[in-house]
Amino acid sequence: MKITIFCVGKVKEDFYRKAIAEYEKRLSRYCKLKTVEVSDEKTPDLASQTVEKQIKEKEGERLLKQIKEDMYVIALAIDGRMTDSVGMSRRIERLGVSGKSNVAFVIGGSLGLSEQVLSRADEKLSFSKMTFPHQLMRVILLEQIYRSYRIMNHEPYHK
């Protein structure tokens, strides 16, 4: 299976980069993993809702230019469907079995994802009702994908 992580912005902190690299290395035995970063827009302090919407739309356009037509797109969104690790593992496995071998996860920038990106998504996934920094969300997502493959392959993983 090919898994692509689309995200807005670069990872700046070294500790996040190290964690991401570790999970990318671990996942290399299970899938073809690729990360695509698009540039983020600077959000001015006290930006109006109109300005925030324009920023999300610009970032969304950049994301949509990168997302291929044949990809099954899962957008990370607070209002998405929640699941546990076993459920996520089963979902990834079912996608592969049903012929969806090119799966994309999309992480928005600090303001979230545009309506256009959410409309393109085949499903929305929520990890929590809480808001996380998008850099940390990349680590959490990679860890859960790795955990999913360990569960699929009946391999031990801490609970």
N, C-alpha and C. Protein backbone atom coordinates (compact mmCIF):
# COMPACT_ATOMS: atom_id res chain seq x y z
N MET A 1 0.83 -1.18 0.00
CA MET A 1 0.00 0.00 0.00
C MET A 1 0.88 1.24 0.00
N LYS A 2 0.42 2.26 -0.72
CA LYS A 2 1.09 3.55 -0.71
C LYS A 2 0.32 4.49 0.21
N ILE A 3 1.02 5.09 1.14
CA ILE A 3 0.41 6.05 2.04
C ILE A 3 1.15 7.37 1.88
N THR A 4 0.38 8.43 1.63
CA THR A 4 0.96 9.75 1.51
C THR A 4 0.37 10.63 2.61
N ILE A 5 1.25 11.33 3.30
CA ILE A 5 0.82 12.29 4.31
C ILE A 5 0.98 13.68 3.69
N PHE A 6 -0.12 14.37 3.52
CA PHE A 6 -0.08 15.75 3.02
C PHE A 6 -0.22 16.67 4.22
N CYS A 7 0.64 17.67 4.31
CA CYS A 7 0.56 18.58 5.44
C CYS A 7 0.97 19.99 5.04
N VAL A 8 0.43 20.92 5.81
CA VAL A 8 0.72 22.33 5.60
C VAL A 8 1.84 22.73 6.54
N GLY A 9 2.89 23.31 5.99
CA GLY A 9 3.99 23.80 6.80
C GLY A 9 5.09 22.77 7.02
N LYS A 10 6.23 23.28 7.38
CA LYS A 10 7.39 22.43 7.65
C LYS A 10 7.49 22.16 9.15
N VAL A 11 8.19 21.10 9.48
CA VAL A 11 8.44 20.78 10.88
C VAL A 11 9.70 21.52 11.29
N LYS A 12 9.57 22.38 12.27
CA LYS A 12 10.69 23.23 12.67
C LYS A 12 11.50 22.65 13.82
N GLU A 13 10.84 22.05 14.79
CA GLU A 13 11.53 21.56 15.97
C GLU A 13 12.23 20.24 15.70
N ASP A 14 13.46 20.14 16.16
CA ASP A 14 14.28 18.96 15.93
C ASP A 14 13.68 17.70 16.56
N PHE A 15 13.08 17.83 17.74
CA PHE A 15 12.53 16.65 18.40
C PHE A 15 11.36 16.07 17.62
N TYR A 16 10.56 16.90 16.96
CA TYR A 16 9.50 16.40 16.09
C TYR A 16 10.11 15.71 14.87
N ARG A 17 11.12 16.34 14.26
CA ARG A 17 11.76 15.74 13.08
C ARG A 17 12.33 14.36 13.40
N LYS A 18 12.95 14.22 14.58
CA LYS A 18 13.51 12.92 14.98
C LYS A 18 12.41 11.87 15.16
N ALA A 19 11.32 12.26 15.79
CA ALA A 19 10.21 11.31 15.99
C ALA A 19 9.60 10.90 14.65
N ILE A 20 9.42 11.86 13.76
CA ILE A 20 8.87 11.58 12.43
C ILE A 20 9.80 10.63 11.68
N ALA A 21 11.09 10.90 11.71
CA ALA A 21 12.07 10.04 11.01
C ALA A 21 12.04 8.62 11.57
N GLU A 22 11.89 8.49 12.87
CA GLU A 22 11.84 7.15 13.48
C GLU A 22 10.63 6.36 12.99
N TYR A 23 9.46 7.00 12.97
CA TYR A 23 8.27 6.28 12.51
C TYR A 23 8.30 6.03 11.01
N GLU A 24 8.88 6.95 10.24
CA GLU A 24 9.04 6.70 8.81
C GLU A 24 9.92 5.48 8.57
N LYS A 25 10.98 5.35 9.35
CA LYS A 25 11.88 4.19 9.23
C LYS A 25 11.13 2.91 9.60
N ARG A 26 10.40 2.94 10.70
CA ARG A 26 9.65 1.75 11.12
C ARG A 26 8.60 1.35 10.10
N LEU A 27 7.94 2.34 9.50
CA LEU A 27 6.88 2.04 8.55
C LEU A 27 7.39 1.53 7.21
N SER A 28 8.66 1.74 6.92
CA SER A 28 9.20 1.35 5.61
C SER A 28 9.08 -0.15 5.34
N ARG A 29 8.97 -0.95 6.36
CA ARG A 29 8.81 -2.40 6.13
C ARG A 29 7.37 -2.80 5.85
N TYR A 30 6.43 -1.88 6.05
CA TYR A 30 5.02 -2.20 5.87
C TYR A 30 4.36 -1.55 4.66
N CYS A 31 4.82 -0.37 4.29
CA CYS A 31 4.15 0.37 3.21
C CYS A 31 5.15 1.32 2.56
N LYS A 32 4.72 1.86 1.41
CA LYS A 32 5.49 2.93 0.77
C LYS A 32 4.94 4.23 1.31
N LEU A 33 5.73 4.91 2.09
CA LEU A 33 5.29 6.13 2.76
C LEU A 33 5.95 7.35 2.13
N LYS A 34 5.16 8.36 1.91
CA LYS A 34 5.67 9.62 1.35
C LYS A 34 5.02 10.76 2.11
N THR A 35 5.78 11.81 2.35
CA THR A 35 5.24 13.01 2.97
C THR A 35 5.37 14.16 1.99
N VAL A 36 4.28 14.90 1.82
CA VAL A 36 4.28 16.06 0.94
C VAL A 36 3.91 17.27 1.79
N GLU A 37 4.81 18.23 1.85
CA GLU A 37 4.57 19.46 2.60
C GLU A 37 4.26 20.58 1.61
N VAL A 38 3.23 21.35 1.92
CA VAL A 38 2.97 22.57 1.16
C VAL A 38 3.20 23.75 2.09
N SER A 39 3.55 24.89 1.52
CA SER A 39 3.86 26.04 2.36
C SER A 39 2.60 26.57 3.05
N ASP A 40 2.83 27.10 4.23
CA ASP A 40 1.74 27.68 4.99
C ASP A 40 1.72 29.19 4.81
N GLU A 41 0.62 29.79 5.14
CA GLU A 41 0.45 31.24 5.08
C GLU A 41 0.62 31.80 6.48
N LYS A 42 1.23 32.94 6.57
CA LYS A 42 1.34 33.60 7.87
C LYS A 42 -0.01 34.19 8.24
N THR A 43 -0.47 33.87 9.44
CA THR A 43 -1.74 34.39 9.92
C THR A 43 -1.48 35.61 10.79
N PRO A 44 -1.98 36.77 10.38
CA PRO A 44 -1.76 37.96 11.21
C PRO A 44 -2.50 37.85 12.54
N ASP A 45 -1.95 38.50 13.57
CA ASP A 45 -2.64 38.55 14.86
C ASP A 45 -4.01 39.20 14.67
N LEU A 46 -4.98 38.67 15.37
CA LEU A 46 -6.36 39.19 15.32
C LEU A 46 -6.94 39.21 13.91
N ALA A 47 -6.60 38.19 13.13
CA ALA A 47 -7.13 38.10 11.76
C ALA A 47 -8.64 37.91 11.80
N SER A 48 -9.33 38.53 10.86
CA SER A 48 -10.78 38.38 10.77
C SER A 48 -11.11 36.99 10.23
N GLN A 49 -12.37 36.61 10.37
CA GLN A 49 -12.81 35.32 9.83
C GLN A 49 -12.61 35.27 8.32
N THR A 50 -12.80 36.39 7.66
CA THR A 50 -12.62 36.47 6.20
C THR A 50 -11.16 36.19 5.83
N VAL A 51 -10.24 36.81 6.55
CA VAL A 51 -8.81 36.60 6.29
C VAL A 51 -8.44 35.15 6.59
N GLU A 52 -8.94 34.61 7.69
CA GLU A 52 -8.65 33.21 8.03
C GLU A 52 -9.17 32.26 6.95
N LYS A 53 -10.36 32.55 6.44
CA LYS A 53 -10.93 31.72 5.36
C LYS A 53 -10.06 31.79 4.11
N GLN A 54 -9.59 33.00 3.77
CA GLN A 54 -8.71 33.16 2.60
C GLN A 54 -7.41 32.39 2.78
N ILE A 55 -6.86 32.41 3.98
CA ILE A 55 -5.62 31.67 4.27
C ILE A 55 -5.86 30.17 4.09
N LYS A 56 -6.96 29.66 4.66
CA LYS A 56 -7.26 28.23 4.51
C LYS A 56 -7.47 27.87 3.05
N GLU A 57 -8.09 28.75 2.29
CA GLU A 57 -8.32 28.48 0.87
C GLU A 57 -7.01 28.43 0.09
N LYS A 58 -6.10 29.34 0.37
CA LYS A 58 -4.79 29.32 -0.30
C LYS A 58 -4.04 28.02 0.02
N GLU A 59 -4.01 27.68 1.31
CA GLU A 59 -3.33 26.44 1.69
C GLU A 59 -4.04 25.23 1.08
N GLY A 60 -5.37 25.29 1.04
CA GLY A 60 -6.15 24.20 0.46
C GLY A 60 -5.87 24.01 -1.02
N GLU A 61 -5.73 25.12 -1.76
CA GLU A 61 -5.40 25.02 -3.18
C GLU A 61 -4.06 24.32 -3.38
N ARG A 62 -3.10 24.65 -2.53
CA ARG A 62 -1.78 24.00 -2.62
C ARG A 62 -1.90 22.50 -2.35
N LEU A 63 -2.70 22.14 -1.37
CA LEU A 63 -2.89 20.72 -1.07
C LEU A 63 -3.57 20.00 -2.24
N LEU A 64 -4.65 20.58 -2.75
CA LEU A 64 -5.42 19.93 -3.81
C LEU A 64 -4.61 19.75 -5.08
N LYS A 65 -3.65 20.63 -5.36
CA LYS A 65 -2.79 20.47 -6.53
C LYS A 65 -1.91 19.22 -6.39
N GLN A 66 -1.64 18.81 -5.18
CA GLN A 66 -0.75 17.67 -4.94
C GLN A 66 -1.50 16.33 -4.84
N ILE A 67 -2.77 16.39 -4.48
CA ILE A 67 -3.55 15.16 -4.26
C ILE A 67 -3.95 14.58 -5.61
N LYS A 68 -3.59 13.32 -5.82
CA LYS A 68 -3.88 12.64 -7.10
C LYS A 68 -5.33 12.14 -7.12
N GLU A 69 -5.84 12.01 -8.34
CA GLU A 69 -7.23 11.60 -8.54
C GLU A 69 -7.52 10.21 -7.96
N ASP A 70 -6.55 9.29 -8.04
CA ASP A 70 -6.79 7.91 -7.61
C ASP A 70 -6.60 7.70 -6.10
N MET A 71 -6.31 8.75 -5.37
CA MET A 71 -6.07 8.61 -3.93
C MET A 71 -7.37 8.55 -3.15
N TYR A 72 -7.38 7.69 -2.16
CA TYR A 72 -8.46 7.67 -1.18
C TYR A 72 -8.02 8.64 -0.09
N VAL A 73 -8.77 9.72 0.11
CA VAL A 73 -8.33 10.82 0.96
C VAL A 73 -9.04 10.80 2.31
N ILE A 74 -8.22 10.81 3.36
CA ILE A 74 -8.73 10.88 4.73
C ILE A 74 -8.23 12.20 5.32
N ALA A 75 -9.17 13.11 5.58
CA ALA A 75 -8.82 14.41 6.14
C ALA A 75 -8.89 14.33 7.66
N LEU A 76 -7.87 14.84 8.32
CA LEU A 76 -7.91 14.92 9.77
C LEU A 76 -8.68 16.18 10.16
N ALA A 77 -9.76 15.99 10.88
CA ALA A 77 -10.64 17.10 11.23
C ALA A 77 -11.29 16.82 12.59
N ILE A 78 -11.42 17.86 13.38
CA ILE A 78 -12.01 17.71 14.72
C ILE A 78 -13.41 17.09 14.64
N ASP A 79 -14.17 17.42 13.60
CA ASP A 79 -15.54 16.91 13.50
C ASP A 79 -15.62 15.59 12.73
N GLY A 80 -14.48 14.95 12.52
CA GLY A 80 -14.47 13.67 11.83
C GLY A 80 -14.89 12.52 12.72
N ARG A 81 -14.91 11.33 12.14
CA ARG A 81 -15.27 10.12 12.86
C ARG A 81 -14.11 9.72 13.78
N MET A 82 -14.45 9.36 15.00
CA MET A 82 -13.43 8.88 15.94
C MET A 82 -13.40 7.36 15.92
N THR A 83 -12.23 6.82 16.19
CA THR A 83 -12.07 5.37 16.26
C THR A 83 -10.96 5.07 17.25
N ASP A 84 -10.81 3.79 17.55
CA ASP A 84 -9.67 3.39 18.38
C ASP A 84 -8.60 2.80 17.46
N SER A 85 -7.48 2.38 18.03
CA SER A 85 -6.36 1.88 17.22
C SER A 85 -6.72 0.62 16.45
N VAL A 86 -7.47 -0.27 17.06
CA VAL A 86 -7.88 -1.50 16.35
C VAL A 86 -8.80 -1.13 15.19
N GLY A 87 -9.72 -0.21 15.41
CA GLY A 87 -10.61 0.24 14.35
C GLY A 87 -9.86 0.88 13.20
N MET A 88 -8.85 1.67 13.51
CA MET A 88 -8.05 2.29 12.45
C MET A 88 -7.28 1.23 11.67
N SER A 89 -6.75 0.25 12.38
CA SER A 89 -6.03 -0.84 11.73
C SER A 89 -6.96 -1.59 10.77
N ARG A 90 -8.14 -1.90 11.23
CA ARG A 90 -9.11 -2.61 10.38
C ARG A 90 -9.49 -1.76 9.17
N ARG A 91 -9.62 -0.44 9.37
CA ARG A 91 -9.98 0.45 8.27
C ARG A 91 -8.91 0.46 7.20
N ILE A 92 -7.66 0.59 7.60
CA ILE A 92 -6.56 0.60 6.64
C ILE A 92 -6.49 -0.74 5.92
N GLU A 93 -6.67 -1.82 6.66
CA GLU A 93 -6.64 -3.15 6.05
C GLU A 93 -7.78 -3.31 5.04
N ARG A 94 -8.99 -2.87 5.40
CA ARG A 94 -10.14 -2.98 4.48
C ARG A 94 -9.94 -2.15 3.23
N LEU A 95 -9.32 -0.98 3.38
CA LEU A 95 -9.05 -0.16 2.19
C LEU A 95 -8.15 -0.91 1.22
N GLY A 96 -7.09 -1.53 1.76
CA GLY A 96 -6.18 -2.30 0.91
C GLY A 96 -6.85 -3.47 0.23
N VAL A 97 -7.67 -4.20 0.99
CA VAL A 97 -8.36 -5.37 0.45
C VAL A 97 -9.37 -4.96 -0.62
N SER A 98 -9.98 -3.78 -0.46
CA SER A 98 -10.99 -3.33 -1.42
C SER A 98 -10.38 -2.64 -2.64
N GLY A 99 -9.04 -2.66 -2.74
CA GLY A 99 -8.40 -2.11 -3.92
C GLY A 99 -7.99 -0.65 -3.81
N LYS A 100 -8.18 -0.07 -2.66
CA LYS A 100 -7.75 1.32 -2.44
C LYS A 100 -6.31 1.29 -1.92
N SER A 101 -5.38 1.16 -2.83
CA SER A 101 -3.99 0.96 -2.43
C SER A 101 -3.19 2.26 -2.38
N ASN A 102 -3.84 3.39 -2.63
CA ASN A 102 -3.17 4.68 -2.61
C ASN A 102 -3.96 5.59 -1.66
N VAL A 103 -3.56 5.59 -0.40
CA VAL A 103 -4.29 6.30 0.65
C VAL A 103 -3.54 7.56 1.04
N ALA A 104 -4.29 8.64 1.18
CA ALA A 104 -3.70 9.93 1.58
C ALA A 104 -4.35 10.41 2.87
N PHE A 105 -3.53 10.85 3.79
CA PHE A 105 -4.00 11.52 5.00
C PHE A 105 -3.63 12.99 4.85
N VAL A 106 -4.55 13.88 5.22
CA VAL A 106 -4.31 15.31 5.04
C VAL A 106 -4.41 16.02 6.39
N ILE A 107 -3.34 16.74 6.74
CA ILE A 107 -3.29 17.52 7.97
C ILE A 107 -3.21 18.99 7.58
N GLY A 108 -4.13 19.76 8.08
CA GLY A 108 -4.17 21.18 7.76
C GLY A 108 -3.15 21.97 8.57
N GLY A 109 -3.13 23.26 8.31
CA GLY A 109 -2.26 24.16 9.04
C GLY A 109 -2.89 24.58 10.35
N SER A 110 -2.41 25.67 10.91
CA SER A 110 -2.87 26.10 12.22
C SER A 110 -4.35 26.49 12.24
N LEU A 111 -4.92 26.80 11.09
CA LEU A 111 -6.34 27.16 11.02
C LEU A 111 -7.23 26.00 10.59
N GLY A 112 -6.63 24.87 10.26
CA GLY A 112 -7.40 23.72 9.80
C GLY A 112 -7.42 23.62 8.28
N LEU A 113 -8.38 22.85 7.78
CA LEU A 113 -8.49 22.59 6.35
C LEU A 113 -9.63 23.42 5.73
N SER A 114 -9.45 23.76 4.47
CA SER A 114 -10.48 24.50 3.74
C SER A 114 -11.66 23.59 3.43
N GLU A 115 -12.79 24.22 3.14
CA GLU A 115 -13.98 23.46 2.76
C GLU A 115 -13.73 22.64 1.50
N GLN A 116 -12.93 23.17 0.57
CA GLN A 116 -12.63 22.46 -0.68
C GLN A 116 -11.88 21.15 -0.39
N VAL A 117 -10.93 21.20 0.52
CA VAL A 117 -10.18 19.99 0.87
C VAL A 117 -11.10 19.00 1.58
N LEU A 118 -11.91 19.49 2.50
CA LEU A 118 -12.84 18.61 3.21
C LEU A 118 -13.84 17.98 2.24
N SER A 119 -14.25 18.72 1.21
CA SER A 119 -15.17 18.17 0.21
C SER A 119 -14.52 17.09 -0.64
N ARG A 120 -13.22 17.24 -0.89
CA ARG A 120 -12.49 16.25 -1.69
C ARG A 120 -12.26 14.96 -0.90
N ALA A 121 -12.24 15.07 0.42
CA ALA A 121 -11.95 13.90 1.26
C ALA A 121 -13.03 12.83 1.12
N ASP A 122 -12.59 11.59 1.12
CA ASP A 122 -13.52 10.46 1.12
C ASP A 122 -14.06 10.21 2.52
N GLU A 123 -13.30 10.59 3.51
CA GLU A 123 -13.77 10.51 4.90
C GLU A 123 -12.96 11.47 5.76
N LYS A 124 -13.54 11.79 6.91
CA LYS A 124 -12.87 12.65 7.88
C LYS A 124 -12.61 11.83 9.14
N LEU A 125 -11.42 12.00 9.68
CA LEU A 125 -11.01 11.26 10.86
C LEU A 125 -10.63 12.24 11.95
N SER A 126 -11.10 11.99 13.17
CA SER A 126 -10.75 12.83 14.31
C SER A 126 -9.98 12.00 15.33
N PHE A 127 -8.91 12.56 15.82
CA PHE A 127 -8.15 11.91 16.88
C PHE A 127 -8.62 12.37 18.25
N SER A 128 -9.31 13.50 18.31
CA SER A 128 -9.76 14.05 19.57
C SER A 128 -10.58 15.29 19.29
N LYS A 129 -11.35 15.70 20.27
CA LYS A 129 -12.05 16.99 20.18
C LYS A 129 -11.08 18.12 20.51
N MET A 130 -9.91 17.77 21.02
CA MET A 130 -8.90 18.78 21.34
C MET A 130 -8.16 19.20 20.08
N THR A 131 -7.53 20.36 20.14
CA THR A 131 -6.70 20.85 19.05
C THR A 131 -5.24 20.56 19.37
N PHE A 132 -4.51 20.05 18.38
CA PHE A 132 -3.09 19.75 18.55
C PHE A 132 -2.28 20.58 17.55
N PRO A 133 -1.04 20.91 17.89
CA PRO A 133 -0.19 21.55 16.88
C PRO A 133 -0.03 20.61 15.69
N HIS A 134 -0.07 21.16 14.47
CA HIS A 134 -0.04 20.27 13.31
C HIS A 134 1.27 19.49 13.22
N GLN A 135 2.35 20.01 13.78
CA GLN A 135 3.61 19.25 13.77
C GLN A 135 3.50 18.02 14.68
N LEU A 136 2.90 18.18 15.84
CA LEU A 136 2.69 17.05 16.74
C LEU A 136 1.71 16.06 16.12
N MET A 137 0.72 16.56 15.41
CA MET A 137 -0.26 15.68 14.79
C MET A 137 0.39 14.74 13.78
N ARG A 138 1.43 15.21 13.10
CA ARG A 138 2.15 14.34 12.17
C ARG A 138 2.76 13.16 12.90
N VAL A 139 3.35 13.43 14.07
CA VAL A 139 3.95 12.35 14.86
C VAL A 139 2.86 11.38 15.32
N ILE A 140 1.77 11.91 15.84
CA ILE A 140 0.68 11.06 16.33
C ILE A 140 0.11 10.21 15.19
N LEU A 141 -0.11 10.82 14.04
CA LEU A 141 -0.65 10.08 12.89
C LEU A 141 0.29 8.96 12.48
N LEU A 142 1.57 9.26 12.34
CA LEU A 142 2.54 8.23 11.94
C LEU A 142 2.59 7.09 12.96
N GLU A 143 2.54 7.45 14.24
CA GLU A 143 2.56 6.41 15.27
C GLU A 143 1.33 5.52 15.15
N GLN A 144 0.17 6.10 14.89
CA GLN A 144 -1.05 5.30 14.78
C GLN A 144 -1.06 4.45 13.50
N ILE A 145 -0.50 4.94 12.43
CA ILE A 145 -0.38 4.12 11.22
C ILE A 145 0.55 2.95 11.50
N TYR A 146 1.67 3.22 12.16
CA TYR A 146 2.60 2.15 12.52
C TYR A 146 1.92 1.13 13.43
N ARG A 147 1.22 1.61 14.44
CA ARG A 147 0.49 0.72 15.35
C ARG A 147 -0.53 -0.11 14.56
N SER A 148 -1.19 0.51 13.57
CA SER A 148 -2.17 -0.20 12.75
C SER A 148 -1.54 -1.39 12.03
N TYR A 149 -0.37 -1.16 11.45
CA TYR A 149 0.30 -2.27 10.74
C TYR A 149 0.75 -3.35 11.71
N ARG A 150 1.20 -2.98 12.88
CA ARG A 150 1.59 -3.99 13.89
C ARG A 150 0.37 -4.83 14.27
N ILE A 151 -0.77 -4.18 14.46
CA ILE A 151 -2.01 -4.91 14.79
C ILE A 151 -2.41 -5.81 13.63
N MET A 152 -2.38 -5.30 12.41
CA MET A 152 -2.75 -6.08 11.22
C MET A 152 -1.92 -7.35 11.09
N ASN A 153 -0.64 -7.22 11.43
CA ASN A 153 0.29 -8.34 11.27
C ASN A 153 0.44 -9.17 12.52
N HIS A 154 -0.45 -8.96 13.49
CA HIS A 154 -0.47 -9.72 14.75
C HIS A 154 0.89 -9.67 15.44
N GLU A 155 1.51 -8.52 15.39
CA GLU A 155 2.81 -8.31 16.02
C GLU A 155 2.62 -7.57 17.34
N PRO A 156 3.46 -7.86 18.30
CA PRO A 156 3.27 -7.20 19.61
C PRO A 156 3.55 -5.69 19.53
N TYR A 157 2.76 -4.98 20.30
CA TYR A 157 2.95 -3.53 20.42
C TYR A 157 2.35 -3.13 21.75
N HIS A 158 3.01 -2.22 22.44
CA HIS A 158 2.54 -1.87 23.77
C HIS A 158 1.15 -1.23 23.71
N LYS A 159 0.41 -1.43 24.79
CA LYS A 159 -0.97 -0.90 24.86
C LYS A 159 -1.03 0.24 25.83
